[in-house]
Amino acid sequence: MNEPTISNASSLHGWRKSTYSGNEGGSCIEILDGHPAGVPVRDSKDPEGPALVFRPAGWTPFVTAVKDGSLSA
């Protein structure tokens, strides 16, 4: 099933990076809390690019798996 997208993520305000992200400008994602359609996620290096919007039912287990280390690269 395809997740909805936002074609220009810069049209939304309040993006935040993970507290685990450094200031080196590497490969980071940003998320936006409180969006009515779900959890928008964008590439921090391309703030005017698209954002994927994940449903909370899928986002929450994903974040849990990242935190507990159960995902492999």
PDB file of N, CA and C in Angstrom:
ATOM      1  N   MET A   1       0.847  -1.176   0.000  1.00  0.00           N
ATOM      2  CA  MET A   1       0.000   0.000   0.000  1.00  0.00           C
ATOM      3  C   MET A   1       0.892   1.239   0.000  1.00  0.00           C
ATOM      4  N   ASN A   2       0.609   2.197  -0.851  1.00  0.00           N
ATOM      5  CA  ASN A   2       1.393   3.412  -0.931  1.00  0.00           C
ATOM      6  C   ASN A   2       0.994   4.392   0.163  1.00  0.00           C
ATOM      7  N   GLU A   3       2.006   5.029   0.725  1.00  0.00           N
ATOM      8  CA  GLU A   3       1.761   6.074   1.713  1.00  0.00           C
ATOM      9  C   GLU A   3       1.522   7.382   0.959  1.00  0.00           C
ATOM     10  N   PRO A   4       0.708   8.271   1.522  1.00  0.00           N
ATOM     11  CA  PRO A   4       0.516   9.565   0.875  1.00  0.00           C
ATOM     12  C   PRO A   4       1.805  10.388   0.935  1.00  0.00           C
ATOM     13  N   THR A   5       1.923  11.349   0.028  1.00  0.00           N
ATOM     14  CA  THR A   5       3.099  12.215   0.009  1.00  0.00           C
ATOM     15  C   THR A   5       2.682  13.679   0.025  1.00  0.00           C
ATOM     16  N   ILE A   6       3.613  14.511   0.417  1.00  0.00           N
ATOM     17  CA  ILE A   6       3.483  15.961   0.343  1.00  0.00           C
ATOM     18  C   ILE A   6       4.565  16.391  -0.636  1.00  0.00           C
ATOM     19  N   SER A   7       4.195  17.015  -1.744  1.00  0.00           N
ATOM     20  CA  SER A   7       5.168  17.281  -2.806  1.00  0.00           C
ATOM     21  C   SER A   7       6.227  18.304  -2.405  1.00  0.00           C
ATOM     22  N   ASN A   8       5.894  19.319  -1.635  1.00  0.00           N
ATOM     23  CA  ASN A   8       6.864  20.311  -1.186  1.00  0.00           C
ATOM     24  C   ASN A   8       6.786  20.410   0.325  1.00  0.00           C
ATOM     25  N   ALA A   9       7.694  19.738   0.992  1.00  0.00           N
ATOM     26  CA  ALA A   9       7.658  19.654   2.453  1.00  0.00           C
ATOM     27  C   ALA A   9       7.926  20.986   3.135  1.00  0.00           C
ATOM     28  N   SER A  10       8.504  21.943   2.421  1.00  0.00           N
ATOM     29  CA  SER A  10       8.784  23.240   3.042  1.00  0.00           C
ATOM     30  C   SER A  10       7.503  24.033   3.297  1.00  0.00           C
ATOM     31  N   SER A  11       6.385  23.580   2.746  1.00  0.00           N
ATOM     32  CA  SER A  11       5.115  24.259   2.976  1.00  0.00           C
ATOM     33  C   SER A  11       4.590  24.036   4.393  1.00  0.00           C
ATOM     34  N   LEU A  12       5.200  23.092   5.113  1.00  0.00           N
ATOM     35  CA  LEU A  12       4.807  22.808   6.493  1.00  0.00           C
ATOM     36  C   LEU A  12       5.887  23.327   7.451  1.00  0.00           C
ATOM     37  N   HIS A  13       5.476  23.719   8.635  1.00  0.00           N
ATOM     38  CA  HIS A  13       6.416  24.290   9.604  1.00  0.00           C
ATOM     39  C   HIS A  13       6.413  23.462  10.884  1.00  0.00           C
ATOM     40  N   GLY A  14       7.573  23.403  11.546  1.00  0.00           N
ATOM     41  CA  GLY A  14       7.695  22.688  12.804  1.00  0.00           C
ATOM     42  C   GLY A  14       8.478  21.385  12.698  1.00  0.00           C
ATOM     43  N   TRP A  15       9.246  21.208  11.623  1.00  0.00           N
ATOM     44  CA  TRP A  15      10.028  19.987  11.440  1.00  0.00           C
ATOM     45  C   TRP A  15      11.066  19.871  12.543  1.00  0.00           C
ATOM     46  N   ARG A  16      11.378  18.624  12.927  1.00  0.00           N
ATOM     47  CA  ARG A  16      12.432  18.392  13.919  1.00  0.00           C
ATOM     48  C   ARG A  16      13.247  17.171  13.531  1.00  0.00           C
ATOM     49  N   LYS A  17      14.531  17.229  13.911  1.00  0.00           N
ATOM     50  CA  LYS A  17      15.429  16.101  13.697  1.00  0.00           C
ATOM     51  C   LYS A  17      15.470  15.263  14.965  1.00  0.00           C
ATOM     52  N   SER A  18      15.889  14.041  14.807  1.00  0.00           N
ATOM     53  CA  SER A  18      16.087  13.164  15.951  1.00  0.00           C
ATOM     54  C   SER A  18      17.141  13.753  16.872  1.00  0.00           C
ATOM     55  N   THR A  19      16.997  13.510  18.145  1.00  0.00           N
ATOM     56  CA  THR A  19      18.023  13.936  19.105  1.00  0.00           C
ATOM     57  C   THR A  19      19.314  13.163  18.890  1.00  0.00           C
ATOM     58  N   TYR A  20      19.264  12.058  18.156  1.00  0.00           N
ATOM     59  CA  TYR A  20      20.452  11.271  17.850  1.00  0.00           C
ATOM     60  C   TYR A  20      21.226  11.841  16.667  1.00  0.00           C
ATOM     61  N   SER A  21      20.642  12.790  15.944  1.00  0.00           N
ATOM     62  CA  SER A  21      21.315  13.382  14.791  1.00  0.00           C
ATOM     63  C   SER A  21      22.363  14.374  15.268  1.00  0.00           C
ATOM     64  N   GLY A  22      23.495  14.353  14.615  1.00  0.00           N
ATOM     65  CA  GLY A  22      24.537  15.316  14.925  1.00  0.00           C
ATOM     66  C   GLY A  22      24.382  16.566  14.098  1.00  0.00           C
ATOM     67  N   ASN A  23      25.323  17.487  14.238  1.00  0.00           N
ATOM     68  CA  ASN A  23      25.295  18.733  13.480  1.00  0.00           C
ATOM     69  C   ASN A  23      26.202  18.675  12.256  1.00  0.00           C
ATOM     70  N   GLU A  24      26.651  17.495  11.880  1.00  0.00           N
ATOM     71  CA  GLU A  24      27.563  17.354  10.760  1.00  0.00           C
ATOM     72  C   GLU A  24      26.873  17.455   9.409  1.00  0.00           C
ATOM     73  N   GLY A  25      25.563  17.441   9.365  1.00  0.00           N
ATOM     74  CA  GLY A  25      24.834  17.550   8.112  1.00  0.00           C
ATOM     75  C   GLY A  25      24.779  16.256   7.319  1.00  0.00           C
ATOM     76  N   GLY A  26      24.889  15.134   7.977  1.00  0.00           N
ATOM     77  CA  GLY A  26      24.868  13.846   7.298  1.00  0.00           C
ATOM     78  C   GLY A  26      23.471  13.417   6.890  1.00  0.00           C
ATOM     79  N   SER A  27      23.270  12.138   6.828  1.00  0.00           N
ATOM     80  CA  SER A  27      21.994  11.569   6.405  1.00  0.00           C
ATOM     81  C   SER A  27      21.000  11.596   7.556  1.00  0.00           C
ATOM     82  N   CYS A  28      20.171  12.600   7.584  1.00  0.00           N
ATOM     83  CA  CYS A  28      19.184  12.738   8.657  1.00  0.00           C
ATOM     84  C   CYS A  28      17.781  12.825   8.059  1.00  0.00           C
ATOM     85  N   ILE A  29      16.847  12.422   8.851  1.00  0.00           N
ATOM     86  CA  ILE A  29      15.455  12.650   8.484  1.00  0.00           C
ATOM     87  C   ILE A  29      14.861  13.606   9.508  1.00  0.00           C
ATOM     88  N   GLU A  30      13.805  14.260   9.105  1.00  0.00           N
ATOM     89  CA  GLU A  30      13.059  15.132   9.998  1.00  0.00           C
ATOM     90  C   GLU A  30      11.611  14.675   9.987  1.00  0.00           C
ATOM     91  N   ILE A  31      10.956  14.847  11.122  1.00  0.00           N
ATOM     92  CA  ILE A  31       9.537  14.511  11.201  1.00  0.00           C
ATOM     93  C   ILE A  31       8.763  15.730  11.670  1.00  0.00           C
ATOM     94  N   LEU A  32       7.463  15.667  11.453  1.00  0.00           N
ATOM     95  CA  LEU A  32       6.574  16.746  11.851  1.00  0.00           C
ATOM     96  C   LEU A  32       5.491  16.161  12.737  1.00  0.00           C
ATOM     97  N   ASP A  33       5.432  16.643  13.956  1.00  0.00           N
ATOM     98  CA  ASP A  33       4.412  16.162  14.898  1.00  0.00           C
ATOM     99  C   ASP A  33       3.089  16.881  14.668  1.00  0.00           C
ATOM    100  N   GLY A  34       2.005  16.186  14.950  1.00  0.00           N
ATOM    101  CA  GLY A  34       0.691  16.799  14.947  1.00  0.00           C
ATOM    102  C   GLY A  34       0.024  16.999  13.600  1.00  0.00           C
ATOM    103  N   HIS A  35       0.526  16.366  12.554  1.00  0.00           N
ATOM    104  CA  HIS A  35      -0.105  16.498  11.235  1.00  0.00           C
ATOM    105  C   HIS A  35      -1.357  15.623  11.214  1.00  0.00           C
ATOM    106  N   PRO A  36      -2.474  16.114  10.696  1.00  0.00           N
ATOM    107  CA  PRO A  36      -3.726  15.351  10.755  1.00  0.00           C
ATOM    108  C   PRO A  36      -3.726  14.047   9.954  1.00  0.00           C
ATOM    109  N   ALA A  37      -2.870  13.945   8.924  1.00  0.00           N
ATOM    110  CA  ALA A  37      -2.868  12.741   8.082  1.00  0.00           C
ATOM    111  C   ALA A  37      -1.936  11.651   8.591  1.00  0.00           C
ATOM    112  N   GLY A  38      -1.087  11.965   9.565  1.00  0.00           N
ATOM    113  CA  GLY A  38      -0.137  10.982  10.074  1.00  0.00           C
ATOM    114  C   GLY A  38       1.180  11.630  10.438  1.00  0.00           C
ATOM    115  N   VAL A  39       2.294  10.945  10.137  1.00  0.00           N
ATOM    116  CA  VAL A  39       3.627  11.438  10.492  1.00  0.00           C
ATOM    117  C   VAL A  39       4.419  11.719   9.213  1.00  0.00           C
ATOM    118  N   PRO A  40       4.520  13.005   8.816  1.00  0.00           N
ATOM    119  CA  PRO A  40       5.333  13.333   7.658  1.00  0.00           C
ATOM    120  C   PRO A  40       6.821  13.162   7.973  1.00  0.00           C
ATOM    121  N   VAL A  41       7.569  12.622   7.008  1.00  0.00           N
ATOM    122  CA  VAL A  41       9.005  12.390   7.149  1.00  0.00           C
ATOM    123  C   VAL A  41       9.684  12.919   5.885  1.00  0.00           C
ATOM    124  N   ARG A  42      10.754  13.719   6.066  1.00  0.00           N
ATOM    125  CA  ARG A  42      11.481  14.256   4.919  1.00  0.00           C
ATOM    126  C   ARG A  42      12.981  14.119   5.125  1.00  0.00           C
ATOM    127  N   ASP A  43      13.716  14.224   4.035  1.00  0.00           N
ATOM    128  CA  ASP A  43      15.174  14.221   4.043  1.00  0.00           C
ATOM    129  C   ASP A  43      15.634  15.621   4.441  1.00  0.00           C
ATOM    130  N   SER A  44      16.430  15.730   5.500  1.00  0.00           N
ATOM    131  CA  SER A  44      16.844  17.052   5.975  1.00  0.00           C
ATOM    132  C   SER A  44      17.707  17.800   4.958  1.00  0.00           C
ATOM    133  N   LYS A  45      18.346  17.078   4.051  1.00  0.00           N
ATOM    134  CA  LYS A  45      19.180  17.722   3.040  1.00  0.00           C
ATOM    135  C   LYS A  45      18.350  18.302   1.893  1.00  0.00           C
ATOM    136  N   ASP A  46      17.066  17.980   1.830  1.00  0.00           N
ATOM    137  CA  ASP A  46      16.184  18.432   0.758  1.00  0.00           C
ATOM    138  C   ASP A  46      14.876  18.943   1.354  1.00  0.00           C
ATOM    139  N   PRO A  47      14.924  20.055   2.098  1.00  0.00           N
ATOM    140  CA  PRO A  47      13.727  20.523   2.799  1.00  0.00           C
ATOM    141  C   PRO A  47      12.576  20.949   1.895  1.00  0.00           C
ATOM    142  N   GLU A  48      12.866  21.258   0.644  1.00  0.00           N
ATOM    143  CA  GLU A  48      11.804  21.632  -0.291  1.00  0.00           C
ATOM    144  C   GLU A  48      11.326  20.444  -1.116  1.00  0.00           C
ATOM    145  N   GLY A  49      11.910  19.292  -0.881  1.00  0.00           N
ATOM    146  CA  GLY A  49      11.525  18.087  -1.593  1.00  0.00           C
ATOM    147  C   GLY A  49      10.279  17.467  -0.993  1.00  0.00           C
ATOM    148  N   PRO A  50       9.985  16.263  -1.408  1.00  0.00           N
ATOM    149  CA  PRO A  50       8.767  15.604  -0.923  1.00  0.00           C
ATOM    150  C   PRO A  50       8.923  15.047   0.491  1.00  0.00           C
ATOM    151  N   ALA A  51       7.809  14.789   1.108  1.00  0.00           N
ATOM    152  CA  ALA A  51       7.752  14.110   2.399  1.00  0.00           C
ATOM    153  C   ALA A  51       6.784  12.945   2.281  1.00  0.00           C
ATOM    154  N   LEU A  52       7.127  11.836   2.872  1.00  0.00           N
ATOM    155  CA  LEU A  52       6.199  10.708   2.975  1.00  0.00           C
ATOM    156  C   LEU A  52       5.394  10.884   4.247  1.00  0.00           C
ATOM    157  N   VAL A  53       4.134  10.520   4.208  1.00  0.00           N
ATOM    158  CA  VAL A  53       3.280  10.618   5.388  1.00  0.00           C
ATOM    159  C   VAL A  53       2.904   9.198   5.810  1.00  0.00           C
ATOM    160  N   PHE A  54       3.426   8.789   6.956  1.00  0.00           N
ATOM    161  CA  PHE A  54       3.178   7.448   7.477  1.00  0.00           C
ATOM    162  C   PHE A  54       2.013   7.460   8.448  1.00  0.00           C
ATOM    163  N   ARG A  55       1.217   6.428   8.378  1.00  0.00           N
ATOM    164  CA  ARG A  55       0.113   6.278   9.331  1.00  0.00           C
ATOM    165  C   ARG A  55       0.698   5.954  10.704  1.00  0.00           C
ATOM    166  N   PRO A  56       0.110   6.489  11.765  1.00  0.00           N
ATOM    167  CA  PRO A  56       0.628   6.213  13.106  1.00  0.00           C
ATOM    168  C   PRO A  56       0.695   4.721  13.432  1.00  0.00           C
ATOM    169  N   ALA A  57      -0.228   3.936  12.889  1.00  0.00           N
ATOM    170  CA  ALA A  57      -0.227   2.492  13.159  1.00  0.00           C
ATOM    171  C   ALA A  57       1.031   1.809  12.632  1.00  0.00           C
ATOM    172  N   GLY A  58       1.665   2.364  11.624  1.00  0.00           N
ATOM    173  CA  GLY A  58       2.914   1.822  11.102  1.00  0.00           C
ATOM    174  C   GLY A  58       4.132   2.516  11.670  1.00  0.00           C
ATOM    175  N   TRP A  59       4.016   3.814  11.956  1.00  0.00           N
ATOM    176  CA  TRP A  59       5.144   4.600  12.446  1.00  0.00           C
ATOM    177  C   TRP A  59       5.561   4.175  13.851  1.00  0.00           C
ATOM    178  N   THR A  60       4.612   3.995  14.726  1.00  0.00           N
ATOM    179  CA  THR A  60       4.926   3.660  16.117  1.00  0.00           C
ATOM    180  C   THR A  60       5.713   2.362  16.234  1.00  0.00           C
ATOM    181  N   PRO A  61       5.310   1.258  15.588  1.00  0.00           N
ATOM    182  CA  PRO A  61       6.121   0.035  15.668  1.00  0.00           C
ATOM    183  C   PRO A  61       7.504   0.203  15.030  1.00  0.00           C
ATOM    184  N   PHE A  62       7.602   1.008  13.979  1.00  0.00           N
ATOM    185  CA  PHE A  62       8.896   1.260  13.347  1.00  0.00           C
ATOM    186  C   PHE A  62       9.843   1.952  14.327  1.00  0.00           C
ATOM    187  N   VAL A  63       9.383   3.005  14.981  1.00  0.00           N
ATOM    188  CA  VAL A  63      10.220   3.727  15.947  1.00  0.00           C
ATOM    189  C   VAL A  63      10.625   2.809  17.092  1.00  0.00           C
ATOM    190  N   THR A  64       9.707   1.994  17.563  1.00  0.00           N
ATOM    191  CA  THR A  64      10.022   1.041  18.639  1.00  0.00           C
ATOM    192  C   THR A  64      11.117   0.076  18.198  1.00  0.00           C
ATOM    193  N   ALA A  65      11.024  -0.436  16.982  1.00  0.00           N
ATOM    194  CA  ALA A  65      12.027  -1.373  16.462  1.00  0.00           C
ATOM    195  C   ALA A  65      13.392  -0.698  16.317  1.00  0.00           C
ATOM    196  N   VAL A  66      13.415   0.562  15.892  1.00  0.00           N
ATOM    197  CA  VAL A  66      14.692   1.278  15.787  1.00  0.00           C
ATOM    198  C   VAL A  66      15.301   1.447  17.166  1.00  0.00           C
ATOM    199  N   LYS A  67      14.507   1.847  18.132  1.00  0.00           N
ATOM    200  CA  LYS A  67      15.017   2.092  19.480  1.00  0.00           C
ATOM    201  C   LYS A  67      15.537   0.831  20.144  1.00  0.00           C
ATOM    202  N   ASP A  68      14.868  -0.304  19.925  1.00  0.00           N
ATOM    203  CA  ASP A  68      15.314  -1.526  20.602  1.00  0.00           C
ATOM    204  C   ASP A  68      16.341  -2.322  19.790  1.00  0.00           C
ATOM    205  N   GLY A  69      16.708  -1.804  18.600  1.00  0.00           N
ATOM    206  CA  GLY A  69      17.762  -2.429  17.807  1.00  0.00           C
ATOM    207  C   GLY A  69      17.354  -3.681  17.067  1.00  0.00           C
ATOM    208  N   SER A  70      16.068  -3.898  16.860  1.00  0.00           N
ATOM    209  CA  SER A  70      15.636  -5.132  16.205  1.00  0.00           C
ATOM    210  C   SER A  70      15.635  -5.037  14.674  1.00  0.00           C
ATOM    211  N   LEU A  71      16.016  -3.894  14.113  1.00  0.00           N
ATOM    212  CA  LEU A  71      16.128  -3.755  12.659  1.00  0.00           C
ATOM    213  C   LEU A  71      17.579  -3.951  12.250  1.00  0.00           C
ATOM    214  N   SER A  72      17.787  -4.638  11.144  1.00  0.00           N
ATOM    215  CA  SER A  72      19.151  -4.778  10.635  1.00  0.00           C
ATOM    216  C   SER A  72      19.317  -3.924   9.388  1.00  0.00           C
ATOM    217  N   ALA A  73      20.534  -3.513   9.126  1.00  0.00           N
ATOM    218  CA  ALA A  73      20.810  -2.638   7.977  1.00  0.00           C
ATOM    219  C   ALA A  73      20.738  -3.403   6.681  1.00  0.00           C
TER     220      ALA A  73
END
